[in-house]
Amino acid sequence: MAFWRVEPFGDQWRMAARTSLTTAAGMGAKPDPDAEERFLPSYRDKPQTEEELKRELMKIPAFRDQMQKGE
């Protein structure tokens, strides 16, 4: 109980998440309901498949050029 009197808004990670989401919402973003949880170090999203990873890397010009040379 004493911790919450000293840290009324939670731990540092959660405070950073709320600050970021409040700023984003103030600029017109519509964050998902679980967006705050995704800022926390304990959050684990489903792992990317190799194909998803390649698709994301192809968006970066330097990686795209390197990957195309390797084919």
N, C-alpha and C. Protein backbone atom coordinates (compact mmCIF):
# COMPACT_ATOMS: atom_id res chain seq x y z
N MET A 1 0.82 -1.19 0.00
CA MET A 1 0.00 0.00 0.00
C MET A 1 0.86 1.26 0.00
N ALA A 2 1.95 1.25 0.76
CA ALA A 2 2.79 2.45 0.84
C ALA A 2 3.40 2.77 -0.51
N PHE A 3 3.73 1.74 -1.28
CA PHE A 3 4.32 1.97 -2.61
C PHE A 3 3.40 2.82 -3.47
N TRP A 4 2.11 2.53 -3.45
CA TRP A 4 1.18 3.26 -4.31
C TRP A 4 0.97 4.71 -3.87
N ARG A 5 1.29 5.00 -2.61
CA ARG A 5 1.26 6.40 -2.17
C ARG A 5 2.46 7.16 -2.72
N VAL A 6 3.59 6.48 -2.82
CA VAL A 6 4.80 7.09 -3.35
C VAL A 6 4.76 7.10 -4.89
N GLU A 7 4.33 6.00 -5.48
CA GLU A 7 4.25 5.83 -6.94
C GLU A 7 2.78 5.65 -7.34
N PRO A 8 1.98 6.70 -7.34
CA PRO A 8 0.54 6.55 -7.55
C PRO A 8 0.16 6.08 -8.96
N PHE A 9 1.04 6.22 -9.93
CA PHE A 9 0.68 5.85 -11.29
C PHE A 9 1.35 4.55 -11.73
N GLY A 10 2.02 3.85 -10.84
CA GLY A 10 2.62 2.57 -11.18
C GLY A 10 4.11 2.66 -11.43
N ASP A 11 4.65 1.57 -11.92
CA ASP A 11 6.08 1.50 -12.13
C ASP A 11 6.52 2.35 -13.33
N GLN A 12 7.82 2.47 -13.53
CA GLN A 12 8.37 3.35 -14.56
C GLN A 12 7.94 2.94 -15.97
N TRP A 13 7.91 1.64 -16.26
CA TRP A 13 7.52 1.19 -17.59
C TRP A 13 6.08 1.59 -17.89
N ARG A 14 5.20 1.35 -16.92
CA ARG A 14 3.79 1.66 -17.13
C ARG A 14 3.58 3.17 -17.24
N MET A 15 4.32 3.94 -16.46
CA MET A 15 4.21 5.39 -16.54
C MET A 15 4.65 5.88 -17.92
N ALA A 16 5.73 5.31 -18.45
CA ALA A 16 6.20 5.69 -19.79
C ALA A 16 5.16 5.32 -20.84
N ALA A 17 4.53 4.16 -20.67
CA ALA A 17 3.49 3.73 -21.61
C ALA A 17 2.31 4.68 -21.59
N ARG A 18 1.86 5.04 -20.41
CA ARG A 18 0.71 5.96 -20.31
C ARG A 18 1.04 7.33 -20.88
N THR A 19 2.25 7.81 -20.63
CA THR A 19 2.66 9.10 -21.17
C THR A 19 2.66 9.06 -22.69
N SER A 20 3.24 8.01 -23.25
CA SER A 20 3.30 7.86 -24.71
C SER A 20 1.91 7.76 -25.32
N LEU A 21 1.05 6.98 -24.70
CA LEU A 21 -0.30 6.80 -25.24
C LEU A 21 -1.13 8.07 -25.10
N THR A 22 -0.94 8.79 -24.00
CA THR A 22 -1.66 10.05 -23.83
C THR A 22 -1.22 11.06 -24.88
N THR A 23 0.08 11.12 -25.14
CA THR A 23 0.60 12.02 -26.17
C THR A 23 0.07 11.63 -27.54
N ALA A 24 0.10 10.34 -27.83
CA ALA A 24 -0.40 9.86 -29.13
C ALA A 24 -1.89 10.17 -29.29
N ALA A 25 -2.66 9.94 -28.25
CA ALA A 25 -4.10 10.21 -28.31
C ALA A 25 -4.35 11.71 -28.49
N GLY A 26 -3.54 12.53 -27.86
CA GLY A 26 -3.68 13.97 -28.00
C GLY A 26 -3.39 14.46 -29.42
N MET A 27 -2.64 13.65 -30.16
CA MET A 27 -2.30 14.01 -31.54
C MET A 27 -3.21 13.30 -32.54
N GLY A 28 -4.25 12.65 -32.04
CA GLY A 28 -5.25 12.07 -32.93
C GLY A 28 -5.18 10.57 -33.12
N ALA A 29 -4.21 9.89 -32.54
CA ALA A 29 -4.11 8.43 -32.69
C ALA A 29 -5.22 7.76 -31.88
N LYS A 30 -5.58 6.59 -32.32
CA LYS A 30 -6.59 5.80 -31.61
C LYS A 30 -5.94 4.47 -31.20
N PRO A 31 -5.23 4.46 -30.06
CA PRO A 31 -4.51 3.25 -29.64
C PRO A 31 -5.46 2.11 -29.29
N ASP A 32 -4.97 0.89 -29.50
CA ASP A 32 -5.73 -0.32 -29.14
C ASP A 32 -5.90 -0.38 -27.63
N PRO A 33 -6.91 -1.11 -27.16
CA PRO A 33 -7.11 -1.23 -25.72
C PRO A 33 -5.92 -1.86 -24.99
N ASP A 34 -5.16 -2.74 -25.66
CA ASP A 34 -4.02 -3.38 -25.00
C ASP A 34 -2.70 -2.69 -25.31
N ALA A 35 -2.74 -1.49 -25.86
CA ALA A 35 -1.51 -0.79 -26.25
C ALA A 35 -0.59 -0.55 -25.07
N GLU A 36 -1.13 -0.24 -23.92
CA GLU A 36 -0.29 0.00 -22.74
C GLU A 36 0.50 -1.25 -22.37
N GLU A 37 -0.13 -2.40 -22.47
CA GLU A 37 0.54 -3.66 -22.13
C GLU A 37 1.70 -3.94 -23.07
N ARG A 38 1.60 -3.52 -24.32
CA ARG A 38 2.66 -3.78 -25.29
C ARG A 38 3.93 -2.99 -25.00
N PHE A 39 3.85 -1.96 -24.16
CA PHE A 39 5.03 -1.20 -23.77
C PHE A 39 5.83 -1.92 -22.67
N LEU A 40 5.20 -2.83 -21.98
CA LEU A 40 5.83 -3.46 -20.82
C LEU A 40 6.82 -4.54 -21.24
N PRO A 41 7.91 -4.69 -20.50
CA PRO A 41 8.90 -5.72 -20.86
C PRO A 41 8.36 -7.14 -20.74
N SER A 42 7.28 -7.34 -20.01
CA SER A 42 6.71 -8.68 -19.86
C SER A 42 5.83 -9.07 -21.04
N TYR A 43 5.53 -8.13 -21.94
CA TYR A 43 4.64 -8.42 -23.07
C TYR A 43 5.36 -9.29 -24.08
N ARG A 44 4.70 -10.33 -24.54
CA ARG A 44 5.26 -11.21 -25.56
C ARG A 44 4.22 -11.40 -26.65
N ASP A 45 4.53 -10.87 -27.82
CA ASP A 45 3.66 -11.04 -28.97
C ASP A 45 3.97 -12.39 -29.60
N LYS A 46 3.12 -12.85 -30.48
CA LYS A 46 3.40 -14.12 -31.14
C LYS A 46 4.65 -13.95 -32.00
N PRO A 47 5.50 -14.95 -32.05
CA PRO A 47 6.73 -14.84 -32.83
C PRO A 47 6.44 -14.71 -34.33
N GLN A 48 7.28 -13.96 -35.03
CA GLN A 48 7.11 -13.80 -36.47
C GLN A 48 7.59 -15.06 -37.18
N THR A 49 6.94 -15.38 -38.28
CA THR A 49 7.43 -16.46 -39.11
C THR A 49 8.59 -15.93 -39.93
N GLU A 50 9.35 -16.82 -40.53
CA GLU A 50 10.48 -16.40 -41.36
C GLU A 50 10.00 -15.56 -42.54
N GLU A 51 8.86 -15.92 -43.10
CA GLU A 51 8.31 -15.18 -44.24
C GLU A 51 7.90 -13.75 -43.83
N GLU A 52 7.28 -13.61 -42.66
CA GLU A 52 6.91 -12.28 -42.16
C GLU A 52 8.14 -11.42 -41.91
N LEU A 53 9.18 -12.03 -41.37
CA LEU A 53 10.41 -11.32 -41.10
C LEU A 53 11.06 -10.83 -42.40
N LYS A 54 11.08 -11.68 -43.41
CA LYS A 54 11.64 -11.28 -44.71
C LYS A 54 10.85 -10.14 -45.32
N ARG A 55 9.52 -10.21 -45.21
CA ARG A 55 8.67 -9.14 -45.74
C ARG A 55 8.98 -7.80 -45.09
N GLU A 56 9.17 -7.82 -43.77
CA GLU A 56 9.49 -6.59 -43.05
C GLU A 56 10.87 -6.07 -43.43
N LEU A 57 11.84 -6.97 -43.57
CA LEU A 57 13.19 -6.54 -43.94
C LEU A 57 13.24 -5.98 -45.35
N MET A 58 12.39 -6.46 -46.22
CA MET A 58 12.38 -5.96 -47.61
C MET A 58 11.93 -4.51 -47.68
N LYS A 59 11.33 -3.99 -46.62
CA LYS A 59 10.90 -2.59 -46.58
C LYS A 59 12.09 -1.65 -46.35
N ILE A 60 13.22 -2.18 -45.90
CA ILE A 60 14.41 -1.39 -45.64
C ILE A 60 15.32 -1.49 -46.86
N PRO A 61 15.58 -0.36 -47.54
CA PRO A 61 16.33 -0.41 -48.80
C PRO A 61 17.66 -1.16 -48.72
N ALA A 62 18.47 -0.92 -47.71
CA ALA A 62 19.78 -1.58 -47.61
C ALA A 62 19.62 -3.10 -47.49
N PHE A 63 18.68 -3.55 -46.69
CA PHE A 63 18.44 -4.99 -46.56
C PHE A 63 17.87 -5.57 -47.85
N ARG A 64 16.96 -4.83 -48.49
CA ARG A 64 16.36 -5.31 -49.73
C ARG A 64 17.44 -5.53 -50.78
N ASP A 65 18.35 -4.56 -50.92
CA ASP A 65 19.43 -4.70 -51.91
C ASP A 65 20.32 -5.89 -51.60
N GLN A 66 20.65 -6.04 -50.31
CA GLN A 66 21.51 -7.15 -49.89
C GLN A 66 20.81 -8.49 -50.13
N MET A 67 19.53 -8.58 -49.83
CA MET A 67 18.80 -9.83 -50.00
C MET A 67 18.63 -10.18 -51.47
N GLN A 68 18.44 -9.16 -52.32
CA GLN A 68 18.29 -9.42 -53.74
C GLN A 68 19.60 -9.86 -54.37
N LYS A 69 20.73 -9.35 -53.87
CA LYS A 69 22.04 -9.78 -54.38
C LYS A 69 22.33 -11.23 -54.01
N GLY A 70 21.82 -11.64 -52.85
CA GLY A 70 22.06 -12.99 -52.36
C GLY A 70 21.23 -14.06 -53.05
N GLU A 71 20.22 -13.66 -53.77
CA GLU A 71 19.33 -14.66 -54.41
C GLU A 71 19.92 -15.27 -55.63
